[in-house]
Amino acid sequence: MIDRRRHSNILDVRSFRGADCDTDQYLVVAKLRERLAVRKQAAQNFDGERFNLRKLNEPGVKEKFQIEITNRFAAFEKLNGDENVNRAWENIKENIKTSAKESLGLQE
């Protein structure tokens, strides 16, 4: 009923002779394990920018980053509250990226 390639996916098979369906056949129930293939290339590719986060362990860099973020979000709070949610998210994301570029630098 199943080829050799997928025989390890069968966990349990039982036949029920007592199930009466007005035929000369028996009911067969199987428990299967489904395995989904994941493309490794798609998981490893990352198009975004990578920042050197280890620099945050240095006290001077950490303070600079905190001050930069605080200043950017203080200016952001003064904006109009009627802004679109997606637009607001883009602004927040851009503020964090810009602050990280200025204080952390890109990962080498």
PDB file of N, CA and C in Angstrom:
ATOM      1  N   MET A   1       0.805  -1.190   0.000  1.00  0.00           N
ATOM      2  CA  MET A   1       0.000   0.000   0.000  1.00  0.00           C
ATOM      3  C   MET A   1       0.856   1.265   0.000  1.00  0.00           C
ATOM      4  N   ILE A   2       2.109   1.178   0.438  1.00  0.00           N
ATOM      5  CA  ILE A   2       2.971   2.352   0.491  1.00  0.00           C
ATOM      6  C   ILE A   2       4.372   1.943   0.045  1.00  0.00           C
ATOM      7  N   ASP A   3       5.073   2.852  -0.628  1.00  0.00           N
ATOM      8  CA  ASP A   3       6.389   2.512  -1.158  1.00  0.00           C
ATOM      9  C   ASP A   3       7.461   2.529  -0.059  1.00  0.00           C
ATOM     10  N   ARG A   4       8.621   2.002  -0.378  1.00  0.00           N
ATOM     11  CA  ARG A   4       9.710   1.889   0.597  1.00  0.00           C
ATOM     12  C   ARG A   4      10.218   3.248   1.065  1.00  0.00           C
ATOM     13  N   ARG A   5      10.102   4.245   0.223  1.00  0.00           N
ATOM     14  CA  ARG A   5      10.602   5.572   0.566  1.00  0.00           C
ATOM     15  C   ARG A   5       9.857   6.171   1.753  1.00  0.00           C
ATOM     16  N   ARG A   6       8.581   5.875   1.865  1.00  0.00           N
ATOM     17  CA  ARG A   6       7.758   6.486   2.908  1.00  0.00           C
ATOM     18  C   ARG A   6       7.279   5.491   3.961  1.00  0.00           C
ATOM     19  N   HIS A   7       7.833   4.311   4.015  1.00  0.00           N
ATOM     20  CA  HIS A   7       7.347   3.315   4.967  1.00  0.00           C
ATOM     21  C   HIS A   7       7.650   3.690   6.418  1.00  0.00           C
ATOM     22  N   SER A   8       8.644   4.539   6.653  1.00  0.00           N
ATOM     23  CA  SER A   8       8.956   4.942   8.026  1.00  0.00           C
ATOM     24  C   SER A   8       7.960   5.970   8.565  1.00  0.00           C
ATOM     25  N   ASN A   9       7.103   6.484   7.721  1.00  0.00           N
ATOM     26  CA  ASN A   9       6.093   7.447   8.155  1.00  0.00           C
ATOM     27  C   ASN A   9       4.862   6.777   8.772  1.00  0.00           C
ATOM     28  N   ILE A  10       4.754   5.489   8.664  1.00  0.00           N
ATOM     29  CA  ILE A  10       3.610   4.770   9.222  1.00  0.00           C
ATOM     30  C   ILE A  10       3.891   4.474  10.694  1.00  0.00           C
ATOM     31  N   LEU A  11       3.025   4.961  11.562  1.00  0.00           N
ATOM     32  CA  LEU A  11       3.205   4.761  12.993  1.00  0.00           C
ATOM     33  C   LEU A  11       2.437   3.549  13.505  1.00  0.00           C
ATOM     34  N   ASP A  12       1.192   3.368  13.030  1.00  0.00           N
ATOM     35  CA  ASP A  12       0.358   2.288  13.536  1.00  0.00           C
ATOM     36  C   ASP A  12      -0.690   1.951  12.484  1.00  0.00           C
ATOM     37  N   VAL A  13      -0.947   0.632  12.291  1.00  0.00           N
ATOM     38  CA  VAL A  13      -1.973   0.188  11.347  1.00  0.00           C
ATOM     39  C   VAL A  13      -2.814  -0.866  12.045  1.00  0.00           C
ATOM     40  N   ARG A  14      -4.128  -0.733  11.936  1.00  0.00           N
ATOM     41  CA  ARG A  14      -5.041  -1.710  12.533  1.00  0.00           C
ATOM     42  C   ARG A  14      -6.169  -2.006  11.554  1.00  0.00           C
ATOM     43  N   SER A  15      -6.627  -3.245  11.592  1.00  0.00           N
ATOM     44  CA  SER A  15      -7.794  -3.607  10.786  1.00  0.00           C
ATOM     45  C   SER A  15      -8.926  -3.973  11.740  1.00  0.00           C
ATOM     46  N   PHE A  16     -10.119  -3.566  11.369  1.00  0.00           N
ATOM     47  CA  PHE A  16     -11.294  -3.817  12.188  1.00  0.00           C
ATOM     48  C   PHE A  16     -12.217  -4.742  11.410  1.00  0.00           C
ATOM     49  N   ARG A  17     -12.268  -5.979  11.862  1.00  0.00           N
ATOM     50  CA  ARG A  17     -13.092  -6.973  11.183  1.00  0.00           C
ATOM     51  C   ARG A  17     -14.563  -6.800  11.525  1.00  0.00           C
ATOM     52  N   GLY A  18     -14.856  -6.175  12.647  1.00  0.00           N
ATOM     53  CA  GLY A  18     -16.241  -6.061  13.089  1.00  0.00           C
ATOM     54  C   GLY A  18     -17.013  -4.931  12.437  1.00  0.00           C
ATOM     55  N   ALA A  19     -16.365  -4.048  11.732  1.00  0.00           N
ATOM     56  CA  ALA A  19     -17.072  -2.932  11.103  1.00  0.00           C
ATOM     57  C   ALA A  19     -17.871  -3.472   9.922  1.00  0.00           C
ATOM     58  N   ASP A  20     -19.166  -3.400  10.012  1.00  0.00           N
ATOM     59  CA  ASP A  20     -20.038  -3.975   8.984  1.00  0.00           C
ATOM     60  C   ASP A  20     -20.440  -2.891   8.000  1.00  0.00           C
ATOM     61  N   CYS A  21     -19.971  -3.006   6.774  1.00  0.00           N
ATOM     62  CA  CYS A  21     -20.278  -2.027   5.725  1.00  0.00           C
ATOM     63  C   CYS A  21     -20.991  -2.687   4.559  1.00  0.00           C
ATOM     64  N   ASP A  22     -21.541  -3.880   4.751  1.00  0.00           N
ATOM     65  CA  ASP A  22     -22.209  -4.658   3.707  1.00  0.00           C
ATOM     66  C   ASP A  22     -21.288  -4.956   2.533  1.00  0.00           C
ATOM     67  N   THR A  23     -19.988  -5.162   2.817  1.00  0.00           N
ATOM     68  CA  THR A  23     -19.035  -5.581   1.789  1.00  0.00           C
ATOM     69  C   THR A  23     -18.220  -6.729   2.356  1.00  0.00           C
ATOM     70  N   ASP A  24     -17.407  -7.319   1.511  1.00  0.00           N
ATOM     71  CA  ASP A  24     -16.539  -8.393   1.969  1.00  0.00           C
ATOM     72  C   ASP A  24     -15.149  -7.868   2.359  1.00  0.00           C
ATOM     73  N   GLN A  25     -15.017  -6.568   2.523  1.00  0.00           N
ATOM     74  CA  GLN A  25     -13.730  -5.956   2.883  1.00  0.00           C
ATOM     75  C   GLN A  25     -13.749  -5.509   4.341  1.00  0.00           C
ATOM     76  N   TYR A  26     -12.548  -5.321   4.889  1.00  0.00           N
ATOM     77  CA  TYR A  26     -12.419  -4.901   6.278  1.00  0.00           C
ATOM     78  C   TYR A  26     -11.916  -3.464   6.353  1.00  0.00           C
ATOM     79  N   LEU A  27     -12.291  -2.792   7.438  1.00  0.00           N
ATOM     80  CA  LEU A  27     -11.876  -1.420   7.660  1.00  0.00           C
ATOM     81  C   LEU A  27     -10.422  -1.409   8.135  1.00  0.00           C
ATOM     82  N   VAL A  28      -9.581  -0.574   7.491  1.00  0.00           N
ATOM     83  CA  VAL A  28      -8.178  -0.442   7.855  1.00  0.00           C
ATOM     84  C   VAL A  28      -7.942   1.012   8.267  1.00  0.00           C
ATOM     85  N   VAL A  29      -7.347   1.196   9.459  1.00  0.00           N
ATOM     86  CA  VAL A  29      -7.046   2.524   9.975  1.00  0.00           C
ATOM     87  C   VAL A  29      -5.544   2.609  10.202  1.00  0.00           C
ATOM     88  N   ALA A  30      -4.947   3.704   9.727  1.00  0.00           N
ATOM     89  CA  ALA A  30      -3.502   3.880   9.875  1.00  0.00           C
ATOM     90  C   ALA A  30      -3.214   5.251  10.475  1.00  0.00           C
ATOM     91  N   LYS A  31      -2.210   5.294  11.339  1.00  0.00           N
ATOM     92  CA  LYS A  31      -1.711   6.565  11.857  1.00  0.00           C
ATOM     93  C   LYS A  31      -0.423   6.872  11.127  1.00  0.00           C
ATOM     94  N   LEU A  32      -0.384   8.058  10.509  1.00  0.00           N
ATOM     95  CA  LEU A  32       0.767   8.453   9.709  1.00  0.00           C
ATOM     96  C   LEU A  32       1.435   9.672  10.294  1.00  0.00           C
ATOM     97  N   ARG A  33       2.732   9.776  10.065  1.00  0.00           N
ATOM     98  CA  ARG A  33       3.479  10.974  10.433  1.00  0.00           C
ATOM     99  C   ARG A  33       3.791  11.701   9.130  1.00  0.00           C
ATOM    100  N   GLU A  34       3.421  12.976   9.093  1.00  0.00           N
ATOM    101  CA  GLU A  34       3.672  13.775   7.896  1.00  0.00           C
ATOM    102  C   GLU A  34       4.917  14.615   8.114  1.00  0.00           C
ATOM    103  N   ARG A  35       5.801  14.572   7.175  1.00  0.00           N
ATOM    104  CA  ARG A  35       7.022  15.370   7.241  1.00  0.00           C
ATOM    105  C   ARG A  35       6.991  16.385   6.107  1.00  0.00           C
ATOM    106  N   LEU A  36       7.167  17.631   6.475  1.00  0.00           N
ATOM    107  CA  LEU A  36       7.181  18.691   5.481  1.00  0.00           C
ATOM    108  C   LEU A  36       8.621  19.079   5.195  1.00  0.00           C
ATOM    109  N   ALA A  37       8.926  19.265   3.956  1.00  0.00           N
ATOM    110  CA  ALA A  37      10.273  19.660   3.570  1.00  0.00           C
ATOM    111  C   ALA A  37      10.422  21.161   3.716  1.00  0.00           C
ATOM    112  N   VAL A  38      11.522  21.578   4.319  1.00  0.00           N
ATOM    113  CA  VAL A  38      11.826  22.990   4.480  1.00  0.00           C
ATOM    114  C   VAL A  38      13.046  23.301   3.632  1.00  0.00           C
ATOM    115  N   ARG A  39      12.915  24.334   2.828  1.00  0.00           N
ATOM    116  CA  ARG A  39      14.050  24.733   2.001  1.00  0.00           C
ATOM    117  C   ARG A  39      15.093  25.403   2.879  1.00  0.00           C
ATOM    118  N   LYS A  40      16.280  24.829   2.930  1.00  0.00           N
ATOM    119  CA  LYS A  40      17.331  25.364   3.781  1.00  0.00           C
ATOM    120  C   LYS A  40      17.840  26.697   3.252  1.00  0.00           C
ATOM    121  N   GLN A  41      17.833  26.894   1.973  1.00  0.00           N
ATOM    122  CA  GLN A  41      18.330  28.128   1.392  1.00  0.00           C
ATOM    123  C   GLN A  41      17.452  29.307   1.803  1.00  0.00           C
ATOM    124  N   ALA A  42      16.150  29.103   1.849  1.00  0.00           N
ATOM    125  CA  ALA A  42      15.244  30.187   2.199  1.00  0.00           C
ATOM    126  C   ALA A  42      15.410  30.586   3.660  1.00  0.00           C
ATOM    127  N   ALA A  43      15.693  29.620   4.520  1.00  0.00           N
ATOM    128  CA  ALA A  43      15.853  29.923   5.930  1.00  0.00           C
ATOM    129  C   ALA A  43      17.171  30.645   6.201  1.00  0.00           C
ATOM    130  N   GLN A  44      18.185  30.393   5.408  1.00  0.00           N
ATOM    131  CA  GLN A  44      19.496  30.975   5.655  1.00  0.00           C
ATOM    132  C   GLN A  44      19.661  32.353   5.023  1.00  0.00           C
ATOM    133  N   ASN A  45      18.913  32.654   3.983  1.00  0.00           N
ATOM    134  CA  ASN A  45      19.028  33.953   3.330  1.00  0.00           C
ATOM    135  C   ASN A  45      18.359  35.024   4.180  1.00  0.00           C
ATOM    136  N   PHE A  46      19.059  36.131   4.359  1.00  0.00           N
ATOM    137  CA  PHE A  46      18.519  37.249   5.122  1.00  0.00           C
ATOM    138  C   PHE A  46      18.926  38.518   4.400  1.00  0.00           C
ATOM    139  N   ASP A  47      17.956  39.269   3.914  1.00  0.00           N
ATOM    140  CA  ASP A  47      18.240  40.452   3.115  1.00  0.00           C
ATOM    141  C   ASP A  47      18.413  41.709   3.957  1.00  0.00           C
ATOM    142  N   GLY A  48      18.035  41.652   5.230  1.00  0.00           N
ATOM    143  CA  GLY A  48      18.118  42.831   6.090  1.00  0.00           C
ATOM    144  C   GLY A  48      19.542  43.133   6.520  1.00  0.00           C
ATOM    145  N   GLU A  49      19.680  44.232   7.200  1.00  0.00           N
ATOM    146  CA  GLU A  49      20.987  44.643   7.689  1.00  0.00           C
ATOM    147  C   GLU A  49      21.265  43.970   9.023  1.00  0.00           C
ATOM    148  N   ARG A  50      22.507  43.567   9.218  1.00  0.00           N
ATOM    149  CA  ARG A  50      22.904  42.968  10.482  1.00  0.00           C
ATOM    150  C   ARG A  50      23.795  43.951  11.218  1.00  0.00           C
ATOM    151  N   PHE A  51      23.472  44.157  12.483  1.00  0.00           N
ATOM    152  CA  PHE A  51      24.229  45.098  13.293  1.00  0.00           C
ATOM    153  C   PHE A  51      25.122  44.336  14.262  1.00  0.00           C
ATOM    154  N   ASN A  52      26.226  44.952  14.619  1.00  0.00           N
ATOM    155  CA  ASN A  52      27.160  44.352  15.553  1.00  0.00           C
ATOM    156  C   ASN A  52      26.645  44.612  16.971  1.00  0.00           C
ATOM    157  N   LEU A  53      25.814  43.722  17.486  1.00  0.00           N
ATOM    158  CA  LEU A  53      25.180  43.918  18.784  1.00  0.00           C
ATOM    159  C   LEU A  53      26.136  43.692  19.947  1.00  0.00           C
ATOM    160  N   ARG A  54      27.269  43.084  19.682  1.00  0.00           N
ATOM    161  CA  ARG A  54      28.256  42.880  20.750  1.00  0.00           C
ATOM    162  C   ARG A  54      28.825  44.203  21.243  1.00  0.00           C
ATOM    163  N   LYS A  55      28.732  45.229  20.411  1.00  0.00           N
ATOM    164  CA  LYS A  55      29.209  46.546  20.823  1.00  0.00           C
ATOM    165  C   LYS A  55      28.363  47.132  21.946  1.00  0.00           C
ATOM    166  N   LEU A  56      27.137  46.637  22.134  1.00  0.00           N
ATOM    167  CA  LEU A  56      26.285  47.132  23.207  1.00  0.00           C
ATOM    168  C   LEU A  56      26.835  46.778  24.586  1.00  0.00           C
ATOM    169  N   ASN A  57      27.747  45.829  24.647  1.00  0.00           N
ATOM    170  CA  ASN A  57      28.370  45.477  25.927  1.00  0.00           C
ATOM    171  C   ASN A  57      29.348  46.554  26.389  1.00  0.00           C
ATOM    172  N   GLU A  58      29.813  47.379  25.472  1.00  0.00           N
ATOM    173  CA  GLU A  58      30.722  48.468  25.834  1.00  0.00           C
ATOM    174  C   GLU A  58      29.889  49.616  26.411  1.00  0.00           C
ATOM    175  N   PRO A  59      30.277  50.130  27.587  1.00  0.00           N
ATOM    176  CA  PRO A  59      29.455  51.159  28.258  1.00  0.00           C
ATOM    177  C   PRO A  59      29.276  52.440  27.436  1.00  0.00           C
ATOM    178  N   GLY A  60      30.303  52.916  26.761  1.00  0.00           N
ATOM    179  CA  GLY A  60      30.186  54.148  25.982  1.00  0.00           C
ATOM    180  C   GLY A  60      29.229  54.010  24.817  1.00  0.00           C
ATOM    181  N   VAL A  61      29.311  52.891  24.123  1.00  0.00           N
ATOM    182  CA  VAL A  61      28.435  52.647  22.970  1.00  0.00           C
ATOM    183  C   VAL A  61      26.995  52.458  23.434  1.00  0.00           C
ATOM    184  N   LYS A  62      26.829  51.776  24.557  1.00  0.00           N
ATOM    185  CA  LYS A  62      25.485  51.541  25.087  1.00  0.00           C
ATOM    186  C   LYS A  62      24.808  52.858  25.448  1.00  0.00           C
ATOM    187  N   GLU A  63      25.531  53.751  26.113  1.00  0.00           N
ATOM    188  CA  GLU A  63      24.970  55.061  26.469  1.00  0.00           C
ATOM    189  C   GLU A  63      24.619  55.868  25.231  1.00  0.00           C
ATOM    190  N   LYS A  64      25.501  55.846  24.238  1.00  0.00           N
ATOM    191  CA  LYS A  64      25.259  56.595  23.001  1.00  0.00           C
ATOM    192  C   LYS A  64      23.986  56.096  22.313  1.00  0.00           C
ATOM    193  N   PHE A  65      23.819  54.776  22.265  1.00  0.00           N
ATOM    194  CA  PHE A  65      22.643  54.186  21.632  1.00  0.00           C
ATOM    195  C   PHE A  65      21.377  54.557  22.401  1.00  0.00           C
ATOM    196  N   GLN A  66      21.420  54.493  23.725  1.00  0.00           N
ATOM    197  CA  GLN A  66      20.244  54.828  24.533  1.00  0.00           C
ATOM    198  C   GLN A  66      19.849  56.287  24.348  1.00  0.00           C
ATOM    199  N   ILE A  67      20.834  57.175  24.315  1.00  0.00           N
ATOM    200  CA  ILE A  67      20.543  58.598  24.116  1.00  0.00           C
ATOM    201  C   ILE A  67      19.954  58.841  22.733  1.00  0.00           C
ATOM    202  N   GLU A  68      20.518  58.174  21.736  1.00  0.00           N
ATOM    203  CA  GLU A  68      20.035  58.319  20.357  1.00  0.00           C
ATOM    204  C   GLU A  68      18.580  57.862  20.238  1.00  0.00           C
ATOM    205  N   ILE A  69      18.258  56.709  20.806  1.00  0.00           N
ATOM    206  CA  ILE A  69      16.887  56.184  20.762  1.00  0.00           C
ATOM    207  C   ILE A  69      15.936  57.109  21.521  1.00  0.00           C
ATOM    208  N   THR A  70      16.347  57.572  22.694  1.00  0.00           N
ATOM    209  CA  THR A  70      15.499  58.457  23.491  1.00  0.00           C
ATOM    210  C   THR A  70      15.188  59.741  22.737  1.00  0.00           C
ATOM    211  N   ASN A  71      16.185  60.326  22.104  1.00  0.00           N
ATOM    212  CA  ASN A  71      15.969  61.566  21.351  1.00  0.00           C
ATOM    213  C   ASN A  71      15.030  61.357  20.169  1.00  0.00           C
ATOM    214  N   ARG A  72      15.209  60.269  19.458  1.00  0.00           N
ATOM    215  CA  ARG A  72      14.366  60.014  18.279  1.00  0.00           C
ATOM    216  C   ARG A  72      12.911  59.773  18.680  1.00  0.00           C
ATOM    217  N   PHE A  73      12.688  59.017  19.756  1.00  0.00           N
ATOM    218  CA  PHE A  73      11.312  58.741  20.151  1.00  0.00           C
ATOM    219  C   PHE A  73      10.666  59.925  20.860  1.00  0.00           C
ATOM    220  N   ALA A  74      11.458  60.815  21.456  1.00  0.00           N
ATOM    221  CA  ALA A  74      10.889  62.035  22.035  1.00  0.00           C
ATOM    222  C   ALA A  74      10.316  62.909  20.922  1.00  0.00           C
ATOM    223  N   ALA A  75      11.020  62.983  19.806  1.00  0.00           N
ATOM    224  CA  ALA A  75      10.520  63.739  18.659  1.00  0.00           C
ATOM    225  C   ALA A  75       9.336  63.021  18.012  1.00  0.00           C
ATOM    226  N   PHE A  76       9.335  61.716  18.052  1.00  0.00           N
ATOM    227  CA  PHE A  76       8.265  60.917  17.446  1.00  0.00           C
ATOM    228  C   PHE A  76       6.947  61.072  18.211  1.00  0.00           C
ATOM    229  N   GLU A  77       7.004  61.250  19.532  1.00  0.00           N
ATOM    230  CA  GLU A  77       5.792  61.374  20.340  1.00  0.00           C
ATOM    231  C   GLU A  77       5.039  62.667  20.059  1.00  0.00           C
ATOM    232  N   LYS A  78       5.716  63.673  19.563  1.00  0.00           N
ATOM    233  CA  LYS A  78       5.081  64.957  19.286  1.00  0.00           C
ATOM    234  C   LYS A  78       4.259  64.941  18.006  1.00  0.00           C
ATOM    235  N   LEU A  79       4.359  63.876  17.226  1.00  0.00           N
ATOM    236  CA  LEU A  79       3.627  63.791  15.966  1.00  0.00           C
ATOM    237  C   LEU A  79       2.137  63.575  16.209  1.00  0.00           C
ATOM    238  N   ASN A  80       1.379  63.729  15.148  1.00  0.00           N
ATOM    239  CA  ASN A  80      -0.072  63.603  15.190  1.00  0.00           C
ATOM    240  C   ASN A  80      -0.468  62.143  15.457  1.00  0.00           C
ATOM    241  N   GLY A  81      -1.473  61.930  16.299  1.00  0.00           N
ATOM    242  CA  GLY A  81      -1.931  60.583  16.637  1.00  0.00           C
ATOM    243  C   GLY A  81      -2.855  59.980  15.592  1.00  0.00           C
ATOM    244  N   ASP A  82      -3.235  60.732  14.562  1.00  0.00           N
ATOM    245  CA  ASP A  82      -4.146  60.234  13.528  1.00  0.00           C
ATOM    246  C   ASP A  82      -3.407  59.499  12.414  1.00  0.00           C
ATOM    247  N   GLU A  83      -2.156  59.215  12.618  1.00  0.00           N
ATOM    248  CA  GLU A  83      -1.343  58.599  11.579  1.00  0.00           C
ATOM    249  C   GLU A  83      -1.724  57.123  11.392  1.00  0.00           C
ATOM    250  N   ASN A  84      -1.558  56.629  10.206  1.00  0.00           N
ATOM    251  CA  ASN A  84      -1.828  55.239   9.878  1.00  0.00           C
ATOM    252  C   ASN A  84      -0.915  54.322  10.700  1.00  0.00           C
ATOM    253  N   VAL A  85      -1.420  53.174  11.117  1.00  0.00           N
ATOM    254  CA  VAL A  85      -0.648  52.242  11.936  1.00  0.00           C
ATOM    255  C   VAL A  85       0.575  51.739  11.174  1.00  0.00           C
ATOM    256  N   ASN A  86       0.406  51.396   9.909  1.00  0.00           N
ATOM    257  CA  ASN A  86       1.534  50.910   9.114  1.00  0.00           C
ATOM    258  C   ASN A  86       2.606  51.986   8.945  1.00  0.00           C
ATOM    259  N   ARG A  87       2.164  53.198   8.751  1.00  0.00           N
ATOM    260  CA  ARG A  87       3.106  54.319   8.616  1.00  0.00           C
ATOM    261  C   ARG A  87       3.855  54.550   9.930  1.00  0.00           C
ATOM    262  N   ALA A  88       3.137  54.462  11.045  1.00  0.00           N
ATOM    263  CA  ALA A  88       3.770  54.629  12.359  1.00  0.00           C
ATOM    264  C   ALA A  88       4.800  53.534  12.599  1.00  0.00           C
ATOM    265  N   TRP A  89       4.465  52.296  12.219  1.00  0.00           N
ATOM    266  CA  TRP A  89       5.412  51.193  12.387  1.00  0.00           C
ATOM    267  C   TRP A  89       6.663  51.418  11.539  1.00  0.00           C
ATOM    268  N   GLU A  90       6.496  51.865  10.320  1.00  0.00           N
ATOM    269  CA  GLU A  90       7.648  52.147   9.465  1.00  0.00           C
ATOM    270  C   GLU A  90       8.534  53.228  10.076  1.00  0.00           C
ATOM    271  N   ASN A  91       7.926  54.253  10.674  1.00  0.00           N
ATOM    272  CA  ASN A  91       8.701  55.306  11.323  1.00  0.00           C
ATOM    273  C   ASN A  91       9.482  54.772  12.516  1.00  0.00           C
ATOM    274  N   ILE A  92       8.846  53.941  13.328  1.00  0.00           N
ATOM    275  CA  ILE A  92       9.530  53.354  14.492  1.00  0.00           C
ATOM    276  C   ILE A  92      10.698  52.493  14.044  1.00  0.00           C
ATOM    277  N   LYS A  93      10.451  51.653  13.049  1.00  0.00           N
ATOM    278  CA  LYS A  93      11.488  50.762  12.545  1.00  0.00           C
ATOM    279  C   LYS A  93      12.663  51.553  11.978  1.00  0.00           C
ATOM    280  N   GLU A  94      12.356  52.593  11.241  1.00  0.00           N
ATOM    281  CA  GLU A  94      13.401  53.420  10.639  1.00  0.00           C
ATOM    282  C   GLU A  94      14.201  54.162  11.705  1.00  0.00           C
ATOM    283  N   ASN A  95      13.525  54.634  12.763  1.00  0.00           N
ATOM    284  CA  ASN A  95      14.225  55.293  13.855  1.00  0.00           C
ATOM    285  C   ASN A  95      15.211  54.356  14.543  1.00  0.00           C
ATOM    286  N   ILE A  96      14.795  53.138  14.793  1.00  0.00           N
ATOM    287  CA  ILE A  96      15.683  52.171  15.447  1.00  0.00           C
ATOM    288  C   ILE A  96      16.857  51.829  14.543  1.00  0.00           C
ATOM    289  N   LYS A  97      16.604  51.617  13.249  1.00  0.00           N
ATOM    290  CA  LYS A  97      17.686  51.290  12.320  1.00  0.00           C
ATOM    291  C   LYS A  97      18.691  52.431  12.206  1.00  0.00           C
ATOM    292  N   THR A  98      18.193  53.648  12.124  1.00  0.00           N
ATOM    293  CA  THR A  98      19.085  54.800  11.992  1.00  0.00           C
ATOM    294  C   THR A  98      19.933  54.973  13.248  1.00  0.00           C
ATOM    295  N   SER A  99      19.325  54.794  14.401  1.00  0.00           N
ATOM    296  CA  SER A  99      20.071  54.894  15.657  1.00  0.00           C
ATOM    297  C   SER A  99      21.134  53.813  15.748  1.00  0.00           C
ATOM    298  N   ALA A 100      20.799  52.621  15.318  1.00  0.00           N
ATOM    299  CA  ALA A 100      21.762  51.514  15.365  1.00  0.00           C
ATOM    300  C   ALA A 100      22.907  51.753  14.390  1.00  0.00           C
ATOM    301  N   LYS A 101      22.603  52.288  13.209  1.00  0.00           N
ATOM    302  CA  LYS A 101      23.664  52.573  12.244  1.00  0.00           C
ATOM    303  C   LYS A 101      24.647  53.584  12.797  1.00  0.00           C
ATOM    304  N   GLU A 102      24.117  54.623  13.462  1.00  0.00           N
ATOM    305  CA  GLU A 102      24.968  55.687  13.965  1.00  0.00           C
ATOM    306  C   GLU A 102      25.806  55.249  15.162  1.00  0.00           C
ATOM    307  N   SER A 103      25.262  54.406  16.029  1.00  0.00           N
ATOM    308  CA  SER A 103      25.994  54.083  17.234  1.00  0.00           C
ATOM    309  C   SER A 103      26.655  52.693  17.196  1.00  0.00           C
ATOM    310  N   LEU A 104      26.086  51.741  16.504  1.00  0.00           N
ATOM    311  CA  LEU A 104      26.637  50.392  16.501  1.00  0.00           C
ATOM    312  C   LEU A 104      27.453  50.076  15.255  1.00  0.00           C
ATOM    313  N   GLY A 105      27.009  50.516  14.125  1.00  0.00           N
ATOM    314  CA  GLY A 105      27.667  50.164  12.868  1.00  0.00           C
ATOM    315  C   GLY A 105      27.189  48.801  12.381  1.00  0.00           C
ATOM    316  N   LEU A 106      27.421  48.532  11.125  1.00  0.00           N
ATOM    317  CA  LEU A 106      27.011  47.266  10.541  1.00  0.00           C
ATOM    318  C   LEU A 106      27.996  46.163  10.918  1.00  0.00           C
ATOM    319  N   GLN A 107      27.466  44.929  10.993  1.00  0.00           N
ATOM    320  CA  GLN A 107      28.295  43.778  11.326  1.00  0.00           C
ATOM    321  C   GLN A 107      29.179  43.422  10.148  1.00  0.00           C
ATOM    322  N   GLU A 108      30.406  43.094  10.418  1.00  0.00           N
ATOM    323  CA  GLU A 108      31.366  42.797   9.345  1.00  0.00           C
ATOM    324  C   GLU A 108      31.349  41.356   8.963  1.00  0.00           C
TER     325      GLU A 108
END
